[in-house]
Structures are given as C-alpha cells and as structure tokens.
C-alpha cells in the first residue's frame, strides 16, 4: 500500500512547471496503449514524471489514484517490451494558492527513470515501435 502524501508546496511547484522532456500532465488515463507510449518514451530518453490528475492547462482535476495506478501498471505490462521501472506517489491536495478546496483532490505522480534496459518497445497488434521523448511529445524514433 502506498502512503498518501500532503505536500501542497510540491503540487504548487508542479503547477508552475512546463511540460517538456521530463514532465507530462494527464487529466486521467483512458487509453492504456497511449500512456504506454509516454512511459516508453521517458524510459528510452532521460526519464521523467507523469502527473495524473492535472490537465494540460494546469487545472487540478483530481483522480481516483488507485484506479489510475492500475491502468498505468496494466499499460506497462501489456504494451511495453520489456516493461519499464515505475514508482508511484499519491498526493492529497486540499489547498491551492492558500485557498481551501471544497473537497480534497488526489494527484498521482509516476516516476519513470531513464532505463538501463533500453530499448523499451511499445507493442500493439504485433507491431513493436520505439518511442522517444522530444520536447513535450512522445514520438516514434526514426
């Protein structure tokens, strides 16, 4: 079981950060294959953090952290050869900019280190593709 952290300052810093080679925001996980491409790209490039529960426009949406962890773990196992190393942190947010939220929201931070087992191939329909991170995008390697 993962403990839930309360660190509003960390979340505030994340909200100030820009998506890029090491950071990607996701409102939630709706497509396992798509998120597996991002995981592969981070593992194949320089590592990074996926922040689930914050939109691309940096709106705190909040998520069901356990459901999102399950989706990410499934994506990693189903769509990556070999699966990448992942670590999860759950943050409970009850204040933003010193304003108390009506109800607490949860954000999941997934850390994907640069892999020593590269390449991690995204696999779907028996097609294996190498993804890398280019600025704020996960793209197939030429």
Protein backbone atom coordinates (compact mmCIF):
# COMPACT_ATOMS: atom_id res chain seq x y z
CA UNK A 1 0.00 0.00 0.00
CA UNK A 2 1.28 3.42 -0.93
CA UNK A 3 1.02 6.14 1.66
CA UNK A 4 -0.71 9.36 0.69
CA UNK A 5 1.42 12.47 0.96
CA UNK A 6 0.31 16.00 1.74
CA UNK A 7 2.72 18.44 0.15
CA UNK A 8 0.87 21.44 -1.24
CA UNK A 9 4.19 23.18 -1.96
CA UNK A 10 5.28 20.29 -4.22
CA UNK A 11 1.98 20.44 -6.12
CA UNK A 12 2.28 24.24 -6.38
CA UNK A 13 5.77 23.80 -7.93
CA UNK A 14 4.45 21.15 -10.34
CA UNK A 15 1.68 23.53 -11.42
CA UNK A 16 4.31 26.18 -12.19
CA UNK A 17 6.33 23.73 -14.31
CA UNK A 18 6.08 23.37 -18.07
CA UNK A 19 5.55 20.09 -19.87
CA UNK A 20 8.75 19.01 -21.55
CA UNK A 21 11.28 16.26 -21.98
CA UNK A 22 10.95 15.25 -18.26
CA UNK A 23 7.31 16.14 -17.46
CA UNK A 24 3.87 15.30 -18.85
CA UNK A 25 0.44 16.19 -17.41
CA UNK A 26 -2.57 13.93 -17.88
CA UNK A 27 -6.12 14.53 -16.66
CA UNK A 28 -6.61 10.80 -16.39
CA UNK A 29 -5.79 7.56 -18.17
CA UNK A 30 -8.40 6.49 -20.69
CA UNK A 31 -6.18 4.64 -23.17
CA UNK A 32 -3.58 2.13 -21.97
CA UNK A 33 -1.78 1.95 -25.31
CA UNK A 34 -1.39 5.72 -25.49
CA UNK A 35 0.00 6.08 -21.96
CA UNK A 36 2.39 3.17 -22.63
CA UNK A 37 3.93 5.23 -25.46
CA UNK A 38 4.70 8.02 -22.97
CA UNK A 39 6.16 5.57 -20.44
CA UNK A 40 8.36 4.02 -23.16
CA UNK A 41 9.49 7.45 -24.37
CA UNK A 42 10.56 8.55 -20.87
CA UNK A 43 12.37 5.24 -20.22
CA UNK A 44 14.12 5.41 -23.60
CA UNK A 45 15.16 9.06 -23.27
CA UNK A 46 16.16 10.72 -19.99
CA UNK A 47 13.41 9.60 -17.65
CA UNK A 48 10.57 11.76 -16.41
CA UNK A 49 7.41 12.22 -14.41
CA UNK A 50 3.83 11.65 -15.44
CA UNK A 51 1.47 13.75 -13.34
CA UNK A 52 -2.06 12.34 -13.42
CA UNK A 53 -4.93 14.50 -12.20
CA UNK A 54 -3.74 17.80 -13.67
CA UNK A 55 -4.81 18.90 -17.14
CA UNK A 56 -2.53 20.23 -19.87
CA UNK A 57 -3.89 23.67 -18.95
CA UNK A 58 -2.68 23.05 -15.39
CA UNK A 59 -6.12 22.70 -13.85
CA UNK A 60 -6.23 20.46 -10.79
CA UNK A 61 -8.79 17.83 -11.77
CA UNK A 62 -8.13 15.13 -9.19
CA UNK A 63 -8.41 11.39 -9.80
CA UNK A 64 -9.06 8.01 -8.23
CA UNK A 65 -5.37 7.27 -7.65
CA UNK A 66 -5.74 3.50 -7.21
CA UNK A 67 -7.68 3.17 -10.48
CA UNK A 68 -5.08 5.24 -12.35
CA UNK A 69 -2.22 3.19 -10.85
CA UNK A 70 -3.95 0.02 -12.02
CA UNK A 71 -4.40 1.42 -15.57
CA UNK A 72 -0.75 2.51 -15.76
CA UNK A 73 0.56 -0.78 -14.41
CA UNK A 74 -1.60 -2.69 -16.89
CA UNK A 75 -0.39 -0.49 -19.76
CA UNK A 76 3.22 -1.06 -18.73
CA UNK A 77 2.76 -4.85 -18.57
CA UNK A 78 0.62 -5.18 -21.73
CA UNK A 79 2.20 -2.71 -24.12
CA UNK A 80 5.92 -2.49 -23.26
CA UNK A 81 8.72 -4.93 -24.08
CA UNK A 82 10.31 -5.09 -21.56
CA UNK A 83 8.12 -3.29 -19.00
CA UNK A 84 9.71 -0.13 -17.59
CA UNK A 85 10.55 0.55 -13.95
CA UNK A 86 7.86 2.73 -12.36
CA UNK A 87 7.38 4.29 -8.96
CA UNK A 88 4.16 5.89 -7.72
CA UNK A 89 3.44 8.72 -5.29
CA UNK A 90 -0.06 9.87 -4.35
CA UNK A 91 -0.60 13.43 -3.17
CA UNK A 92 -3.70 14.69 -1.40
CA UNK A 93 -4.35 18.34 -2.19
CA UNK A 94 -6.67 20.37 -0.01
CA UNK A 95 -5.29 23.87 -0.62
CA UNK A 96 -4.32 25.65 -3.84
CA UNK A 97 -2.82 29.14 -3.62
CA UNK A 98 -3.78 29.30 0.06
CA UNK A 99 -7.44 28.65 -0.79
CA UNK A 100 -9.09 25.65 0.82
CA UNK A 101 -10.72 23.37 -1.74
CA UNK A 102 -14.32 22.29 -1.21
CA UNK A 103 -13.06 18.71 -1.11
CA UNK A 104 -9.58 17.24 -1.28
CA UNK A 105 -8.31 16.02 -4.62
CA UNK A 106 -5.73 13.39 -5.39
CA UNK A 107 -2.84 13.60 -7.83
CA UNK A 108 -0.68 10.65 -8.90
CA UNK A 109 2.96 11.21 -9.77
CA UNK A 110 4.57 8.38 -11.71
CA UNK A 111 8.35 8.48 -11.93
CA UNK A 112 9.91 6.66 -14.87
CA UNK A 113 13.72 6.61 -14.65
CA UNK A 114 15.92 6.51 -17.71
CA UNK A 115 16.27 2.80 -18.28
CA UNK A 116 19.39 0.70 -18.30
CA UNK A 117 17.39 -1.93 -20.22
CA UNK A 118 16.74 0.18 -23.34
CA UNK A 119 15.08 -0.03 -25.70
CA UNK A 120 11.56 -0.37 -24.36
CA UNK A 121 9.32 -1.08 -27.32
CA UNK A 122 5.65 -0.17 -27.46
CA UNK A 123 3.79 -3.22 -28.72
CA UNK A 124 0.31 -3.30 -30.21
CA UNK A 125 -1.23 -5.68 -32.74
CA UNK A 126 2.14 -7.45 -33.04
CA UNK A 127 3.85 -4.22 -34.12
CA UNK A 128 6.77 -3.03 -31.98
CA UNK A 129 7.68 0.67 -32.06
CA UNK A 130 10.48 2.56 -30.33
CA UNK A 131 9.28 5.82 -28.75
CA UNK A 132 11.44 8.68 -27.52
CA UNK A 133 10.73 12.00 -25.85
CA UNK A 134 11.10 15.13 -27.99
CA UNK A 135 10.39 18.32 -26.01
CA UNK A 136 6.86 17.73 -24.66
CA UNK A 137 5.91 14.91 -27.04
CA UNK A 138 6.39 11.17 -27.21
CA UNK A 139 7.23 10.29 -30.81
CA UNK A 140 8.26 7.18 -32.76
CA UNK A 141 12.01 7.10 -33.33
CA UNK A 142 13.00 7.38 -36.97
